[in-house]
């Protein structure tokens, strides 16, 4: 008598090409990370814009242009990472 083939992984292990039963386990951390990155990036961008507009230093002891450029770049990267996290849902 021949034994039936039994898969080693459960049938619910892959849904729509993603691992997990329904994807709920991955949504929580993705939402949290997306919110954190978006809030940080948006806050840094607004703060940098206000400091530059008031002609106040963004960082002490550094060139105003270099510090504003670096802060703007970091804020755009954080916003991009936040957007990327939200697209993973």
N, C-alpha and C. Protein backbone atom coordinates (compact mmCIF):
# COMPACT_ATOMS: atom_id res chain seq x y z
N UNK A 1 0.82 -1.17 0.00
CA UNK A 1 0.00 0.00 0.00
C UNK A 1 0.88 1.25 0.00
N UNK A 2 0.52 2.21 -0.80
CA UNK A 2 1.31 3.42 -0.97
C UNK A 2 0.83 4.52 -0.02
N UNK A 3 1.79 5.24 0.58
CA UNK A 3 1.44 6.33 1.49
C UNK A 3 1.14 7.60 0.69
N UNK A 4 0.18 8.38 1.14
CA UNK A 4 -0.08 9.66 0.45
C UNK A 4 1.03 10.66 0.77
N UNK A 5 1.31 11.54 -0.17
CA UNK A 5 2.32 12.57 0.05
C UNK A 5 1.76 13.66 0.96
N UNK A 6 2.53 14.00 1.96
CA UNK A 6 2.12 15.04 2.90
C UNK A 6 3.19 16.13 2.88
N UNK A 7 2.74 17.34 2.68
CA UNK A 7 3.66 18.46 2.65
C UNK A 7 4.21 18.74 4.04
N UNK A 8 5.46 19.15 4.11
CA UNK A 8 6.08 19.46 5.40
C UNK A 8 5.58 20.79 5.95
N UNK A 9 5.15 21.70 5.07
CA UNK A 9 4.66 22.99 5.54
C UNK A 9 3.14 23.00 5.51
N UNK A 10 2.52 23.74 6.42
CA UNK A 10 1.06 23.81 6.42
C UNK A 10 0.56 24.55 5.19
N UNK A 11 -0.66 24.27 4.81
CA UNK A 11 -1.22 24.88 3.61
C UNK A 11 -1.40 26.38 3.70
N UNK A 12 -1.50 26.92 4.90
CA UNK A 12 -1.70 28.35 5.05
C UNK A 12 -0.40 29.13 5.11
N UNK A 13 0.74 28.45 4.93
CA UNK A 13 2.03 29.11 5.10
C UNK A 13 2.29 30.19 4.06
N UNK A 14 1.73 30.06 2.87
CA UNK A 14 1.95 31.05 1.83
C UNK A 14 0.60 31.50 1.29
N UNK A 15 0.31 32.78 1.45
CA UNK A 15 -0.94 33.36 0.96
C UNK A 15 -0.57 34.53 0.07
N UNK A 16 -1.01 34.52 -1.16
CA UNK A 16 -0.73 35.59 -2.12
C UNK A 16 0.77 35.85 -2.26
N UNK A 17 1.55 34.81 -2.19
CA UNK A 17 2.99 34.95 -2.36
C UNK A 17 3.72 35.46 -1.13
N UNK A 18 3.00 35.67 -0.03
CA UNK A 18 3.62 36.15 1.20
C UNK A 18 3.50 35.08 2.27
N UNK A 19 4.42 35.07 3.21
CA UNK A 19 4.36 34.11 4.31
C UNK A 19 3.37 34.61 5.35
N UNK A 20 2.76 33.68 6.06
CA UNK A 20 1.83 34.03 7.12
C UNK A 20 0.41 33.66 6.75
N UNK A 21 -0.42 33.44 7.74
CA UNK A 21 -1.79 33.00 7.49
C UNK A 21 -2.59 34.08 6.78
N UNK A 22 -2.57 35.28 7.30
CA UNK A 22 -3.35 36.34 6.67
C UNK A 22 -2.56 37.62 6.53
N UNK A 23 -1.32 37.62 6.92
CA UNK A 23 -0.48 38.80 6.82
C UNK A 23 -0.63 39.75 8.00
N UNK A 24 -1.46 39.40 8.98
CA UNK A 24 -1.67 40.31 10.10
C UNK A 24 -0.44 40.44 10.98
N UNK A 25 0.37 39.42 11.05
CA UNK A 25 1.56 39.50 11.89
C UNK A 25 2.57 40.50 11.33
N UNK A 26 2.59 40.70 10.03
CA UNK A 26 3.54 41.62 9.43
C UNK A 26 3.01 43.04 9.38
N UNK A 27 1.71 43.23 9.50
CA UNK A 27 1.13 44.56 9.36
C UNK A 27 1.44 45.47 10.54
N UNK A 28 1.40 44.95 11.74
CA UNK A 28 1.64 45.76 12.93
C UNK A 28 3.00 46.45 12.92
N UNK A 29 4.09 45.71 12.76
CA UNK A 29 5.40 46.35 12.72
C UNK A 29 5.58 47.29 11.53
N UNK A 30 4.99 46.95 10.39
CA UNK A 30 5.11 47.81 9.21
C UNK A 30 4.38 49.14 9.44
N UNK A 31 3.21 49.08 10.05
CA UNK A 31 2.47 50.30 10.33
C UNK A 31 3.23 51.14 11.36
N UNK A 32 3.72 50.51 12.41
CA UNK A 32 4.47 51.22 13.44
C UNK A 32 5.71 51.90 12.85
N UNK A 33 6.50 51.14 12.09
CA UNK A 33 7.72 51.71 11.49
C UNK A 33 7.38 52.82 10.52
N UNK A 34 6.32 52.64 9.72
CA UNK A 34 5.93 53.68 8.78
C UNK A 34 5.52 54.96 9.47
N UNK A 35 4.77 54.84 10.57
CA UNK A 35 4.35 56.03 11.32
C UNK A 35 5.55 56.72 11.96
N UNK A 36 6.46 55.94 12.53
CA UNK A 36 7.65 56.52 13.17
C UNK A 36 8.50 57.26 12.15
N UNK A 37 8.78 56.63 11.02
CA UNK A 37 9.59 57.29 9.99
C UNK A 37 8.89 58.52 9.43
N UNK A 38 7.58 58.43 9.20
CA UNK A 38 6.85 59.57 8.64
C UNK A 38 6.81 60.75 9.62
N UNK A 39 6.56 60.47 10.89
CA UNK A 39 6.54 61.55 11.88
C UNK A 39 7.91 62.18 12.06
N UNK A 40 8.94 61.35 12.13
CA UNK A 40 10.30 61.89 12.28
C UNK A 40 10.69 62.72 11.06
N UNK A 41 10.47 62.17 9.87
CA UNK A 41 10.85 62.88 8.65
C UNK A 41 10.07 64.17 8.47
N UNK A 42 8.77 64.12 8.73
CA UNK A 42 7.95 65.33 8.59
C UNK A 42 8.33 66.37 9.62
N UNK A 43 8.53 65.94 10.87
CA UNK A 43 8.93 66.89 11.92
C UNK A 43 10.27 67.52 11.64
N UNK A 44 11.23 66.73 11.21
CA UNK A 44 12.57 67.26 10.90
C UNK A 44 12.51 68.22 9.72
N UNK A 45 11.71 67.89 8.72
CA UNK A 45 11.59 68.77 7.56
C UNK A 45 10.96 70.11 7.93
N UNK A 46 9.90 70.08 8.73
CA UNK A 46 9.25 71.32 9.16
C UNK A 46 10.19 72.13 10.04
N UNK A 47 10.86 71.46 11.00
CA UNK A 47 11.78 72.16 11.89
C UNK A 47 12.92 72.81 11.10
N UNK A 48 13.48 72.08 10.15
CA UNK A 48 14.57 72.62 9.33
C UNK A 48 14.10 73.82 8.52
N UNK A 49 12.91 73.72 7.93
CA UNK A 49 12.38 74.83 7.12
C UNK A 49 12.16 76.07 7.98
N UNK A 50 11.64 75.88 9.19
CA UNK A 50 11.41 77.03 10.09
C UNK A 50 12.73 77.66 10.48
N UNK A 51 13.73 76.84 10.82
CA UNK A 51 15.03 77.39 11.22
C UNK A 51 15.70 78.14 10.08
N UNK A 52 15.61 77.61 8.87
CA UNK A 52 16.23 78.27 7.71
C UNK A 52 15.49 79.57 7.40
N UNK A 53 14.16 79.53 7.49
CA UNK A 53 13.37 80.73 7.18
C UNK A 53 13.65 81.85 8.19
N UNK A 54 13.89 81.50 9.44
CA UNK A 54 14.20 82.49 10.46
C UNK A 54 15.69 82.87 10.48
N UNK A 55 16.44 82.29 9.58
CA UNK A 55 17.89 82.50 9.47
C UNK A 55 18.61 82.17 10.78
N UNK A 56 18.16 81.11 11.43
CA UNK A 56 18.79 80.61 12.64
C UNK A 56 19.57 79.34 12.28
N UNK A 57 20.60 79.01 13.04
CA UNK A 57 21.40 77.83 12.69
C UNK A 57 20.61 76.53 12.90
N UNK A 58 20.80 75.62 11.97
CA UNK A 58 20.19 74.29 12.09
C UNK A 58 21.04 73.44 13.02
N UNK A 59 22.35 73.60 12.96
CA UNK A 59 23.28 72.91 13.85
C UNK A 59 24.37 73.90 14.25
N UNK A 60 24.74 73.88 15.51
CA UNK A 60 25.76 74.80 16.00
C UNK A 60 27.15 74.38 15.52
N UNK A 61 27.93 75.35 15.10
CA UNK A 61 29.32 75.09 14.74
C UNK A 61 29.52 74.47 13.36
N UNK A 62 28.47 74.44 12.55
CA UNK A 62 28.56 73.85 11.22
C UNK A 62 28.08 74.89 10.22
N UNK A 63 28.55 74.78 9.00
CA UNK A 63 28.10 75.68 7.94
C UNK A 63 26.57 75.62 7.83
N UNK A 64 25.90 76.77 7.76
CA UNK A 64 24.44 76.78 7.66
C UNK A 64 23.92 76.04 6.43
N UNK A 65 24.61 76.17 5.33
CA UNK A 65 24.18 75.49 4.11
C UNK A 65 24.34 73.98 4.25
N UNK A 66 25.48 73.55 4.79
CA UNK A 66 25.73 72.11 4.94
C UNK A 66 24.75 71.48 5.93
N UNK A 67 24.50 72.16 7.05
CA UNK A 67 23.60 71.58 8.05
C UNK A 67 22.16 71.53 7.55
N UNK A 68 21.71 72.56 6.85
CA UNK A 68 20.35 72.55 6.30
C UNK A 68 20.21 71.50 5.21
N UNK A 69 21.24 71.35 4.41
CA UNK A 69 21.20 70.34 3.35
C UNK A 69 21.16 68.93 3.94
N UNK A 70 22.01 68.67 4.92
CA UNK A 70 22.04 67.35 5.52
C UNK A 70 20.73 67.04 6.26
N UNK A 71 20.19 68.01 6.99
CA UNK A 71 18.93 67.79 7.70
C UNK A 71 17.79 67.57 6.71
N UNK A 72 17.78 68.32 5.62
CA UNK A 72 16.75 68.12 4.60
C UNK A 72 16.86 66.76 3.94
N UNK A 73 18.09 66.33 3.68
CA UNK A 73 18.30 65.02 3.06
C UNK A 73 17.86 63.89 3.99
N UNK A 74 18.20 63.99 5.27
CA UNK A 74 17.80 62.97 6.24
C UNK A 74 16.28 62.92 6.37
N UNK A 75 15.63 64.09 6.35
CA UNK A 75 14.17 64.10 6.45
C UNK A 75 13.50 63.48 5.23
N UNK A 76 14.03 63.73 4.06
CA UNK A 76 13.48 63.12 2.84
C UNK A 76 13.70 61.61 2.85
N UNK A 77 14.85 61.16 3.32
CA UNK A 77 15.11 59.72 3.42
C UNK A 77 14.14 59.07 4.40
N UNK A 78 13.89 59.72 5.54
CA UNK A 78 12.96 59.17 6.52
C UNK A 78 11.54 59.11 5.96
N UNK A 79 11.12 60.15 5.25
CA UNK A 79 9.80 60.13 4.63
C UNK A 79 9.70 59.04 3.57
N UNK A 80 10.77 58.84 2.81
CA UNK A 80 10.78 57.78 1.81
C UNK A 80 10.70 56.40 2.47
N UNK A 81 11.42 56.21 3.55
CA UNK A 81 11.34 54.93 4.28
C UNK A 81 9.94 54.70 4.86
N UNK A 82 9.32 55.76 5.36
CA UNK A 82 7.96 55.64 5.87
C UNK A 82 6.99 55.25 4.78
N UNK A 83 7.14 55.86 3.61
CA UNK A 83 6.29 55.51 2.47
C UNK A 83 6.52 54.07 2.05
N UNK A 84 7.77 53.65 2.03
CA UNK A 84 8.09 52.28 1.67
C UNK A 84 7.46 51.28 2.64
N UNK A 85 7.50 51.61 3.93
CA UNK A 85 6.87 50.72 4.92
C UNK A 85 5.37 50.60 4.68
N UNK A 86 4.73 51.72 4.32
CA UNK A 86 3.28 51.67 4.07
C UNK A 86 2.94 50.91 2.79
N UNK A 87 3.87 50.88 1.84
CA UNK A 87 3.59 50.11 0.61
C UNK A 87 3.75 48.61 0.84
N UNK A 88 4.38 48.21 1.94
CA UNK A 88 4.55 46.79 2.25
C UNK A 88 3.32 46.15 2.86
N UNK A 89 2.29 46.93 3.11
CA UNK A 89 1.07 46.39 3.75
C UNK A 89 0.31 45.50 2.83
